[in-house]
């Protein structure tokens, strides 16, 4: 089982993630135990990755797997900036397709699919 809790803050009011990692684990475990009282006995391995770890390991800004918030001001045509919401970048023949571009977050493949359609459309103009 993999538990993805992408709602932990990057900055903590007190302390830091390196010193509070186990506290996060204990809170997650307490919630799991409300539904699965014997879950601790079933856990063979655990790894707790905080937002700081995600930034360090995967170069995700502020540990955000969606490259930004999933909020109205950062979704759809506003992602990552309105003038580049058509998958084209300011660099000729460089296209954008990732969780940081329209329609935003998640590992859906939709940004890649949409970018491919734009590339095929533009390709007709290259000849």
N, C-alpha and C. Protein backbone atom coordinates (compact mmCIF):
# COMPACT_ATOMS: atom_id res chain seq x y z
N UNK A 1 0.85 -1.16 0.00
CA UNK A 1 0.00 0.00 0.00
C UNK A 1 0.89 1.22 0.00
N UNK A 2 0.51 2.19 -0.76
CA UNK A 2 1.21 3.46 -0.82
C UNK A 2 0.23 4.53 -0.36
N UNK A 3 0.63 5.33 0.58
CA UNK A 3 -0.22 6.42 1.05
C UNK A 3 0.40 7.72 0.58
N UNK A 4 -0.35 8.44 -0.20
CA UNK A 4 0.12 9.72 -0.69
C UNK A 4 -0.70 10.81 -0.03
N UNK A 5 -0.08 11.54 0.85
CA UNK A 5 -0.77 12.64 1.52
C UNK A 5 -0.15 13.95 1.08
N UNK A 6 -0.60 14.44 -0.03
CA UNK A 6 0.02 15.62 -0.62
C UNK A 6 -0.42 16.94 -0.02
N UNK A 7 -0.88 16.90 1.20
CA UNK A 7 -1.39 18.14 1.77
C UNK A 7 -0.58 18.61 2.97
N UNK A 8 0.60 18.10 3.14
CA UNK A 8 1.47 18.55 4.22
C UNK A 8 2.12 19.87 3.79
N UNK A 9 2.20 20.83 4.68
CA UNK A 9 2.79 22.12 4.30
C UNK A 9 4.30 22.01 4.10
N UNK A 10 4.81 22.84 3.24
CA UNK A 10 6.25 22.86 3.00
C UNK A 10 6.99 23.44 4.20
N UNK A 11 6.47 24.53 4.74
CA UNK A 11 7.08 25.17 5.91
C UNK A 11 6.23 24.90 7.13
N UNK A 12 6.87 24.59 8.22
CA UNK A 12 6.17 24.31 9.47
C UNK A 12 6.25 25.53 10.39
N UNK A 13 5.22 25.72 11.19
CA UNK A 13 5.22 26.84 12.14
C UNK A 13 6.31 26.66 13.20
N UNK A 14 6.55 25.40 13.59
CA UNK A 14 7.58 25.10 14.59
C UNK A 14 8.43 23.94 14.09
N UNK A 15 9.72 24.08 14.18
CA UNK A 15 10.61 23.00 13.79
C UNK A 15 10.75 22.88 12.29
N UNK A 16 11.29 21.73 11.87
CA UNK A 16 11.49 21.47 10.44
C UNK A 16 11.16 20.01 10.16
N UNK A 17 11.05 19.68 8.88
CA UNK A 17 10.64 18.33 8.52
C UNK A 17 11.67 17.27 8.92
N UNK A 18 12.93 17.62 8.89
CA UNK A 18 13.94 16.63 9.25
C UNK A 18 13.78 16.18 10.70
N UNK A 19 13.37 17.09 11.57
CA UNK A 19 13.21 16.73 12.98
C UNK A 19 11.79 16.26 13.33
N UNK A 20 10.82 16.49 12.44
CA UNK A 20 9.43 16.15 12.76
C UNK A 20 8.85 15.04 11.88
N UNK A 21 9.70 14.40 11.11
CA UNK A 21 9.26 13.34 10.19
C UNK A 21 8.51 12.23 10.94
N UNK A 22 9.04 11.77 12.05
CA UNK A 22 8.39 10.68 12.81
C UNK A 22 7.05 11.12 13.38
N UNK A 23 6.94 12.38 13.73
CA UNK A 23 5.66 12.91 14.22
C UNK A 23 4.60 12.80 13.12
N UNK A 24 4.98 13.11 11.89
CA UNK A 24 4.05 12.97 10.77
C UNK A 24 3.63 11.51 10.63
N UNK A 25 4.59 10.59 10.71
CA UNK A 25 4.27 9.17 10.60
C UNK A 25 3.30 8.75 11.69
N UNK A 26 3.53 9.17 12.90
CA UNK A 26 2.66 8.79 14.02
C UNK A 26 1.23 9.30 13.81
N UNK A 27 1.09 10.49 13.26
CA UNK A 27 -0.25 11.04 13.00
C UNK A 27 -0.96 10.26 11.89
N UNK A 28 -0.24 9.92 10.85
CA UNK A 28 -0.82 9.13 9.76
C UNK A 28 -1.22 7.75 10.28
N UNK A 29 -0.35 7.14 11.05
CA UNK A 29 -0.63 5.81 11.61
C UNK A 29 -1.86 5.86 12.52
N UNK A 30 -2.00 6.90 13.31
CA UNK A 30 -3.16 7.03 14.20
C UNK A 30 -4.46 7.08 13.40
N UNK A 31 -4.45 7.79 12.28
CA UNK A 31 -5.64 7.85 11.43
C UNK A 31 -5.94 6.49 10.83
N UNK A 32 -4.92 5.81 10.33
CA UNK A 32 -5.11 4.48 9.75
C UNK A 32 -5.67 3.51 10.77
N UNK A 33 -5.21 3.58 12.00
CA UNK A 33 -5.65 2.67 13.04
C UNK A 33 -7.13 2.84 13.38
N UNK A 34 -7.70 3.99 13.08
CA UNK A 34 -9.14 4.16 13.35
C UNK A 34 -9.97 3.22 12.48
N UNK A 35 -9.48 2.87 11.31
CA UNK A 35 -10.19 1.98 10.41
C UNK A 35 -9.60 0.57 10.38
N UNK A 36 -8.30 0.48 10.63
CA UNK A 36 -7.58 -0.79 10.57
C UNK A 36 -6.75 -0.94 11.84
N UNK A 37 -7.35 -1.34 12.94
CA UNK A 37 -6.67 -1.36 14.24
C UNK A 37 -5.37 -2.16 14.27
N UNK A 38 -5.26 -3.22 13.46
CA UNK A 38 -4.05 -4.05 13.50
C UNK A 38 -3.07 -3.74 12.37
N UNK A 39 -3.21 -2.60 11.74
CA UNK A 39 -2.39 -2.29 10.56
C UNK A 39 -0.90 -2.25 10.87
N UNK A 40 -0.54 -1.81 12.05
CA UNK A 40 0.88 -1.69 12.38
C UNK A 40 1.60 -3.04 12.28
N UNK A 41 0.92 -4.11 12.64
CA UNK A 41 1.51 -5.45 12.57
C UNK A 41 1.70 -5.91 11.13
N UNK A 42 1.00 -5.31 10.20
CA UNK A 42 1.05 -5.71 8.78
C UNK A 42 2.10 -4.92 7.99
N UNK A 43 2.65 -3.88 8.56
CA UNK A 43 3.58 -3.01 7.83
C UNK A 43 4.97 -3.65 7.83
N UNK A 44 5.47 -3.92 6.63
CA UNK A 44 6.79 -4.54 6.47
C UNK A 44 7.88 -3.49 6.29
N UNK A 45 7.53 -2.39 5.69
CA UNK A 45 8.50 -1.32 5.40
C UNK A 45 7.73 -0.01 5.29
N UNK A 46 8.39 1.05 5.68
CA UNK A 46 7.77 2.37 5.50
C UNK A 46 8.85 3.37 5.15
N UNK A 47 8.45 4.34 4.39
CA UNK A 47 9.33 5.45 4.03
C UNK A 47 8.47 6.69 4.10
N UNK A 48 8.87 7.65 4.85
CA UNK A 48 8.12 8.89 4.99
C UNK A 48 8.88 9.98 4.23
N UNK A 49 8.26 10.45 3.16
CA UNK A 49 8.84 11.53 2.38
C UNK A 49 8.05 12.81 2.65
N UNK A 50 8.70 13.79 3.15
CA UNK A 50 8.06 15.08 3.44
C UNK A 50 8.16 15.96 2.20
N UNK A 51 7.46 17.09 2.18
CA UNK A 51 7.61 18.01 1.05
C UNK A 51 9.08 18.41 0.82
N UNK A 52 9.83 18.55 1.90
CA UNK A 52 11.25 18.89 1.76
C UNK A 52 12.02 17.77 1.06
N UNK A 53 11.70 16.52 1.38
CA UNK A 53 12.34 15.38 0.70
C UNK A 53 12.00 15.37 -0.79
N UNK A 54 10.75 15.62 -1.10
CA UNK A 54 10.34 15.63 -2.51
C UNK A 54 11.08 16.71 -3.29
N UNK A 55 11.32 17.83 -2.65
CA UNK A 55 12.09 18.89 -3.29
C UNK A 55 13.54 18.45 -3.48
N UNK A 56 14.12 17.87 -2.44
CA UNK A 56 15.52 17.44 -2.50
C UNK A 56 15.75 16.33 -3.51
N UNK A 57 14.89 15.33 -3.51
CA UNK A 57 15.10 14.14 -4.34
C UNK A 57 14.69 14.37 -5.80
N UNK A 58 13.53 15.00 -5.99
CA UNK A 58 12.96 15.11 -7.33
C UNK A 58 12.96 16.52 -7.91
N UNK A 59 13.57 17.46 -7.19
CA UNK A 59 13.60 18.86 -7.63
C UNK A 59 12.21 19.46 -7.83
N UNK A 60 11.27 19.06 -7.00
CA UNK A 60 9.92 19.60 -7.08
C UNK A 60 9.87 20.89 -6.24
N UNK A 61 9.55 22.01 -6.85
CA UNK A 61 9.52 23.27 -6.11
C UNK A 61 8.60 23.18 -4.89
N UNK A 62 9.13 23.48 -3.73
CA UNK A 62 8.39 23.41 -2.47
C UNK A 62 7.79 22.03 -2.22
N UNK A 63 8.35 21.01 -2.87
CA UNK A 63 7.87 19.65 -2.67
C UNK A 63 6.50 19.40 -3.26
N UNK A 64 6.10 20.20 -4.21
CA UNK A 64 4.76 20.12 -4.77
C UNK A 64 4.74 19.28 -6.04
N UNK A 65 4.14 18.08 -5.96
CA UNK A 65 4.15 17.16 -7.10
C UNK A 65 3.39 17.68 -8.30
N UNK A 66 2.53 18.64 -8.09
CA UNK A 66 1.77 19.21 -9.21
C UNK A 66 2.40 20.49 -9.74
N UNK A 67 3.58 20.81 -9.28
CA UNK A 67 4.31 21.99 -9.74
C UNK A 67 3.54 23.27 -9.47
N UNK A 68 2.69 23.28 -8.51
CA UNK A 68 1.86 24.43 -8.15
C UNK A 68 0.59 23.96 -7.51
N UNK A 69 -0.12 24.87 -6.96
CA UNK A 69 -1.36 24.51 -6.26
C UNK A 69 -2.45 24.10 -7.24
N UNK A 70 -3.31 23.23 -6.78
CA UNK A 70 -4.48 22.85 -7.56
C UNK A 70 -5.61 23.76 -7.06
N UNK A 71 -5.55 25.00 -7.48
CA UNK A 71 -6.53 25.99 -7.07
C UNK A 71 -6.95 26.80 -8.30
N UNK A 72 -8.08 27.47 -8.20
CA UNK A 72 -8.67 28.17 -9.34
C UNK A 72 -7.69 29.14 -10.00
N UNK A 73 -6.86 29.79 -9.20
CA UNK A 73 -5.95 30.77 -9.78
C UNK A 73 -4.74 30.14 -10.47
N UNK A 74 -4.59 28.80 -10.39
CA UNK A 74 -3.44 28.14 -11.00
C UNK A 74 -3.84 26.94 -11.86
N UNK A 75 -5.07 26.95 -12.34
CA UNK A 75 -5.53 25.82 -13.14
C UNK A 75 -5.86 26.24 -14.57
N UNK A 76 -6.04 25.26 -15.39
CA UNK A 76 -6.46 25.38 -16.78
C UNK A 76 -5.60 26.37 -17.55
N UNK A 77 -6.17 27.37 -18.16
CA UNK A 77 -5.40 28.26 -19.02
C UNK A 77 -4.42 29.12 -18.24
N UNK A 78 -4.51 29.15 -16.92
CA UNK A 78 -3.59 29.95 -16.12
C UNK A 78 -2.30 29.18 -15.77
N UNK A 79 -2.22 27.95 -16.19
CA UNK A 79 -1.13 27.09 -15.79
C UNK A 79 -0.09 27.06 -16.87
N UNK A 80 1.04 27.31 -16.78
CA UNK A 80 1.82 28.01 -15.79
C UNK A 80 1.77 29.50 -16.00
N UNK A 81 1.38 29.94 -17.18
CA UNK A 81 1.08 31.35 -17.42
C UNK A 81 0.15 31.40 -18.63
N UNK A 82 -0.80 32.33 -18.60
CA UNK A 82 -1.83 32.36 -19.65
C UNK A 82 -1.29 32.43 -21.08
N UNK A 83 -0.20 33.15 -21.31
CA UNK A 83 0.29 33.30 -22.69
C UNK A 83 0.91 32.02 -23.25
N UNK A 84 1.16 31.03 -22.39
CA UNK A 84 1.73 29.77 -22.87
C UNK A 84 0.81 28.60 -22.59
N UNK A 85 -0.47 28.84 -22.55
CA UNK A 85 -1.45 27.79 -22.21
C UNK A 85 -1.79 26.90 -23.39
N UNK A 86 -1.16 27.11 -24.54
CA UNK A 86 -1.47 26.30 -25.72
C UNK A 86 -0.41 25.23 -25.99
N UNK A 87 0.42 24.92 -24.98
CA UNK A 87 1.47 23.91 -25.04
C UNK A 87 2.70 24.36 -25.79
N UNK A 88 2.63 25.51 -26.44
CA UNK A 88 3.81 26.07 -27.12
C UNK A 88 4.58 26.90 -26.10
N UNK A 89 5.89 26.89 -26.23
CA UNK A 89 6.72 27.70 -25.34
C UNK A 89 7.22 28.92 -26.11
N UNK A 90 7.90 29.83 -25.43
CA UNK A 90 8.47 30.97 -26.15
C UNK A 90 9.62 30.56 -27.07
N UNK A 91 10.13 29.35 -26.93
CA UNK A 91 11.22 28.85 -27.77
C UNK A 91 10.60 28.07 -28.94
N UNK A 92 10.92 28.48 -30.14
CA UNK A 92 10.35 27.83 -31.32
C UNK A 92 10.66 26.33 -31.31
N UNK A 93 9.66 25.51 -31.62
CA UNK A 93 9.75 24.05 -31.68
C UNK A 93 9.95 23.40 -30.31
N UNK A 94 9.76 24.14 -29.23
CA UNK A 94 9.83 23.55 -27.89
C UNK A 94 8.43 23.59 -27.31
N UNK A 95 7.91 22.42 -26.98
CA UNK A 95 6.55 22.30 -26.48
C UNK A 95 6.57 21.84 -25.03
N UNK A 96 5.50 22.14 -24.33
CA UNK A 96 5.41 21.85 -22.90
C UNK A 96 4.34 20.79 -22.64
N UNK A 97 4.70 19.79 -21.87
CA UNK A 97 3.74 18.74 -21.51
C UNK A 97 4.18 18.14 -20.18
N UNK A 98 3.54 18.57 -19.11
CA UNK A 98 3.86 18.02 -17.79
C UNK A 98 2.76 18.41 -16.82
N UNK A 99 2.94 18.03 -15.57
CA UNK A 99 1.96 18.37 -14.54
C UNK A 99 1.91 19.88 -14.29
N UNK A 100 2.91 20.60 -14.81
CA UNK A 100 2.93 22.04 -14.56
C UNK A 100 2.22 22.85 -15.64
N UNK A 101 1.71 22.19 -16.67
CA UNK A 101 0.99 22.91 -17.72
C UNK A 101 -0.47 22.46 -17.77
N UNK A 102 -1.27 23.18 -18.52
CA UNK A 102 -2.70 22.90 -18.66
C UNK A 102 -2.90 21.43 -19.04
N UNK A 103 -3.84 20.72 -18.53
CA UNK A 103 -4.83 21.14 -17.57
C UNK A 103 -4.37 21.04 -16.13
N UNK A 104 -3.12 20.71 -15.91
CA UNK A 104 -2.57 20.74 -14.56
C UNK A 104 -2.44 19.39 -13.93
N UNK A 105 -1.91 19.40 -12.75
CA UNK A 105 -1.55 18.30 -11.90
C UNK A 105 -1.98 16.89 -12.23
N UNK A 106 -1.35 15.99 -11.58
CA UNK A 106 -1.67 14.59 -11.73
C UNK A 106 -0.85 13.92 -12.82
N UNK A 107 -0.82 12.62 -12.77
CA UNK A 107 -0.11 11.83 -13.77
C UNK A 107 -1.17 11.18 -14.63
N UNK A 108 -1.75 11.99 -15.51
CA UNK A 108 -2.85 11.52 -16.33
C UNK A 108 -2.45 11.28 -17.77
N UNK A 109 -1.38 11.91 -18.21
CA UNK A 109 -0.99 11.83 -19.61
C UNK A 109 -1.72 12.84 -20.48
N UNK A 110 -2.70 13.54 -19.91
CA UNK A 110 -3.49 14.49 -20.70
C UNK A 110 -2.62 15.62 -21.26
N UNK A 111 -1.72 16.24 -20.46
CA UNK A 111 -0.90 17.29 -21.05
C UNK A 111 -0.06 16.79 -22.24
N UNK A 112 0.49 15.58 -22.15
CA UNK A 112 1.26 15.02 -23.26
C UNK A 112 0.41 14.76 -24.48
N UNK A 113 -0.77 14.23 -24.26
CA UNK A 113 -1.71 13.97 -25.36
C UNK A 113 -2.06 15.28 -26.06
N UNK A 114 -2.40 16.28 -25.27
CA UNK A 114 -2.78 17.57 -25.84
C UNK A 114 -1.62 18.23 -26.56
N UNK A 115 -0.43 18.16 -25.99
CA UNK A 115 0.74 18.75 -26.64
C UNK A 115 1.03 18.04 -27.95
N UNK A 116 0.89 16.73 -27.98
CA UNK A 116 1.12 15.98 -29.22
C UNK A 116 0.17 16.43 -30.32
N UNK A 117 -1.07 16.70 -29.96
CA UNK A 117 -2.04 17.18 -30.96
C UNK A 117 -1.60 18.54 -31.51
N UNK A 118 -1.10 19.41 -30.65
CA UNK A 118 -0.63 20.73 -31.09
C UNK A 118 0.59 20.59 -31.99
N UNK A 119 1.50 19.69 -31.63
CA UNK A 119 2.69 19.46 -32.44
C UNK A 119 2.31 18.96 -33.83
N UNK A 120 1.39 18.02 -33.89
CA UNK A 120 0.95 17.51 -35.19
C UNK A 120 0.28 18.60 -36.01
N UNK A 121 -0.47 19.45 -35.35
CA UNK A 121 -1.10 20.58 -36.04
C UNK A 121 -0.04 21.54 -36.58
N UNK A 122 0.94 21.87 -35.76
CA UNK A 122 2.01 22.78 -36.17
C UNK A 122 2.90 22.17 -37.25
N UNK A 123 3.06 20.87 -37.20
CA UNK A 123 3.95 20.18 -38.15
C UNK A 123 3.53 20.44 -39.59
N UNK A 124 2.23 20.58 -39.80
CA UNK A 124 1.74 20.86 -41.16
C UNK A 124 2.30 22.18 -41.69
N UNK A 125 2.59 23.11 -40.78
CA UNK A 125 3.11 24.42 -41.17
C UNK A 125 4.61 24.40 -41.44
N UNK A 126 5.31 23.35 -40.98
CA UNK A 126 6.77 23.31 -41.09
C UNK A 126 7.24 22.98 -42.51
N UNK A 127 6.40 22.30 -43.27
CA UNK A 127 6.84 21.85 -44.60
C UNK A 127 6.78 22.96 -45.61
